[in-house]
Each structure stands twice: as C-alpha cells, then as structure tokens.
Amino acid sequence: MDQIRLLSERFKVRDVVFVGDRGMLKRLPLESIAEADFHYITAITKPQIEKLIKEGVLQTGLFDEFLGEIEHGGVRYVFRRNPVRVDEIQKSRQDRVKKAGNWLRSSQGNCSHPIAGVLTWH
C-alpha cells in the first residue's frame, strides 16, 4: 500500500482503483484500501453471496439477464445472472442424473436378496 500511495502522490493521482479477482484482492486487506481512500472492484465469493441472501440484502430473483445494482453497508454491488454459467450447471446436473440412472440400471441385475427388486428413484 505504501508504494501505491507514493506513486499516487508522485504523479498527483487522486483516484486509485484496484481491479482484481477474488484471490488477488484477498491478499490486500480491502479495509486498508478503503482507509487509504482508494477504491476497488472485485467479485465476491459464493459464501459472501449466500450471507447477503440470508440477510435479505439480495434476493435470488434479482439475478436475471439484466444488470442489477444495490448498495449495502457502504458497498455498491452490481450483479447479473451469467447465462453461460447457468448452462454449465444445467449440463453438469444432467450428466450426474444420467450417470446415476446408468448406475441404477446396471446394479438392478446385481440384487441377490429375494425381496430386493426394482429400485426406484424419487
């Protein structure tokens, strides 16, 4: 932080904005960035999103194909549903269901107990 402050003073830059991914800005304490009167842009983690949903700050219905924005606790959150990620999750889920179904069908002939019959998936 001291090096950034020195550069901002040397080049007379008043507004400094750090942009980084979750891991990159975790190493820099976000509080110290704010205390230095700098700003940052980063993604929040899944646990942070879950906490905001639990607190009622975010609602899952807000995540659609359009940009959304809220401010909470002095932090501005900009969010959007990622359609590519939605497709990835859906395909992954379908693959797991298919694998489970294949396993279920293949294990049905392996039941040796007289009352062990057809397994069903509810």
Protein backbone atom coordinates (compact mmCIF):
# COMPACT_ATOMS: atom_id res chain seq x y z
CA MET A 1 0.00 0.00 0.00
CA ASP A 2 2.82 2.41 0.78
CA GLN A 3 4.23 2.02 -2.75
CA ILE A 4 0.84 2.78 -4.30
CA ARG A 5 0.46 5.83 -2.07
CA LEU A 6 3.93 7.05 -3.06
CA LEU A 7 3.12 6.65 -6.75
CA SER A 8 -0.20 8.41 -6.40
CA GLU A 9 1.50 11.32 -4.64
CA ARG A 10 4.40 11.45 -7.09
CA PHE A 11 2.14 11.53 -10.15
CA LYS A 12 -0.54 13.56 -8.38
CA VAL A 13 -3.19 10.91 -8.90
CA ARG A 14 -6.10 11.38 -6.55
CA ASP A 15 -8.31 8.46 -7.54
CA VAL A 16 -6.82 4.98 -7.41
CA VAL A 17 -8.94 1.94 -8.18
CA PHE A 18 -7.71 -1.62 -7.67
CA VAL A 19 -9.29 -4.15 -10.01
CA GLY A 20 -8.67 -7.81 -9.34
CA ASP A 21 -10.14 -11.23 -8.89
CA ARG A 22 -11.13 -12.70 -5.55
CA GLY A 23 -7.70 -14.17 -4.74
CA MET A 24 -5.73 -11.15 -5.83
CA LEU A 25 -7.55 -8.67 -3.63
CA LYS A 26 -7.79 -11.04 -0.67
CA ARG A 27 -4.07 -10.54 -0.18
CA LEU A 28 -4.62 -6.81 0.07
CA PRO A 29 -6.88 -6.07 3.01
CA LEU A 30 -9.89 -4.31 1.50
CA GLU A 31 -10.25 -2.26 4.67
CA SER A 32 -6.78 -0.80 4.22
CA ILE A 33 -7.60 0.10 0.61
CA ALA A 34 -10.68 1.97 1.81
CA GLU A 35 -8.76 3.61 4.67
CA ALA A 36 -6.24 4.93 2.12
CA ASP A 37 -9.22 6.50 0.32
CA PHE A 38 -8.68 4.19 -2.66
CA HIS A 39 -11.37 2.10 -4.30
CA TYR A 40 -11.61 -1.47 -5.54
CA ILE A 41 -13.60 -3.61 -7.94
CA THR A 42 -13.71 -7.36 -7.37
CA ALA A 43 -16.04 -10.33 -7.41
CA ILE A 44 -17.49 -11.57 -4.15
CA THR A 45 -17.33 -15.20 -3.12
CA LYS A 46 -20.20 -17.66 -3.02
CA PRO A 47 -20.26 -17.60 0.83
CA GLN A 48 -20.49 -13.78 0.69
CA ILE A 49 -23.41 -14.01 -1.74
CA GLU A 50 -25.13 -16.60 0.47
CA LYS A 51 -24.68 -14.36 3.51
CA LEU A 52 -26.22 -11.38 1.67
CA ILE A 53 -29.15 -13.55 0.60
CA LYS A 54 -29.62 -14.84 4.17
CA GLU A 55 -29.57 -11.25 5.47
CA GLY A 56 -32.21 -10.28 2.91
CA VAL A 57 -29.89 -7.85 1.15
CA LEU A 58 -30.01 -9.86 -2.09
CA GLN A 59 -32.82 -11.99 -3.46
CA THR A 60 -32.17 -14.74 -5.99
CA GLY A 61 -34.90 -13.27 -8.19
CA LEU A 62 -32.71 -10.21 -8.75
CA PHE A 63 -30.23 -12.30 -10.73
CA ASP A 64 -31.64 -12.21 -14.23
CA GLU A 65 -30.25 -11.31 -17.62
CA PHE A 66 -30.19 -7.59 -16.86
CA LEU A 67 -27.70 -5.79 -14.65
CA GLY A 68 -28.85 -5.16 -11.12
CA GLU A 69 -27.40 -2.85 -8.52
CA ILE A 70 -27.78 -2.30 -4.79
CA GLU A 71 -25.83 -0.50 -2.11
CA HIS A 72 -25.39 -2.03 1.33
CA GLY A 73 -23.07 -1.08 4.15
CA GLY A 74 -21.27 1.46 2.01
CA VAL A 75 -20.53 -1.12 -0.69
CA ARG A 76 -22.05 -0.98 -4.16
CA TYR A 77 -22.94 -4.40 -5.60
CA VAL A 78 -23.50 -4.80 -9.34
CA PHE A 79 -24.76 -8.20 -10.40
CA ARG A 80 -26.15 -10.19 -13.27
CA ARG A 81 -27.07 -13.77 -13.95
CA ASN A 82 -24.38 -15.43 -16.02
CA PRO A 83 -26.17 -17.40 -18.78
CA VAL A 84 -23.01 -19.32 -19.68
CA ARG A 85 -22.61 -20.48 -16.07
CA VAL A 86 -26.32 -21.40 -15.92
CA ASP A 87 -25.84 -23.67 -18.96
CA GLU A 88 -22.71 -25.23 -17.43
CA ILE A 89 -24.56 -26.01 -14.19
CA GLN A 90 -27.55 -27.44 -16.05
CA LYS A 91 -25.34 -29.69 -18.22
CA SER A 92 -23.40 -30.85 -15.18
CA ARG A 93 -26.63 -31.69 -13.37
CA GLN A 94 -27.93 -33.61 -16.40
CA ASP A 95 -24.66 -35.55 -16.62
CA ARG A 96 -24.88 -36.53 -12.95
CA VAL A 97 -28.52 -37.65 -13.32
CA LYS A 98 -27.59 -39.69 -16.40
CA LYS A 99 -24.66 -41.34 -14.60
CA ALA A 100 -26.83 -42.12 -11.59
CA GLY A 101 -29.51 -43.60 -13.86
CA ASN A 102 -26.93 -45.73 -15.69
CA TRP A 103 -25.53 -46.95 -12.38
CA LEU A 104 -29.02 -47.71 -11.13
CA ARG A 105 -29.91 -49.71 -14.26
CA SER A 106 -26.60 -51.60 -14.18
CA SER A 107 -26.96 -52.51 -10.49
CA GLN A 108 -30.50 -53.81 -10.79
CA GLY A 109 -29.30 -57.19 -12.03
CA ASN A 110 -26.87 -57.46 -9.11
CA CYS A 111 -29.54 -57.72 -6.42
CA SER A 112 -29.19 -61.13 -4.83
CA HIS A 113 -31.66 -60.73 -1.98
CA PRO A 114 -35.04 -62.32 -2.77
CA ILE A 115 -37.05 -59.21 -1.83
CA ALA A 116 -34.61 -56.79 -3.45
CA GLY A 117 -36.39 -55.92 -6.61
CA VAL A 118 -36.52 -52.93 -8.84
CA LEU A 119 -35.05 -49.80 -7.34
CA THR A 120 -36.90 -46.59 -7.94
CA TRP A 121 -35.70 -43.03 -7.86
CA HIS A 122 -38.00 -40.48 -6.24
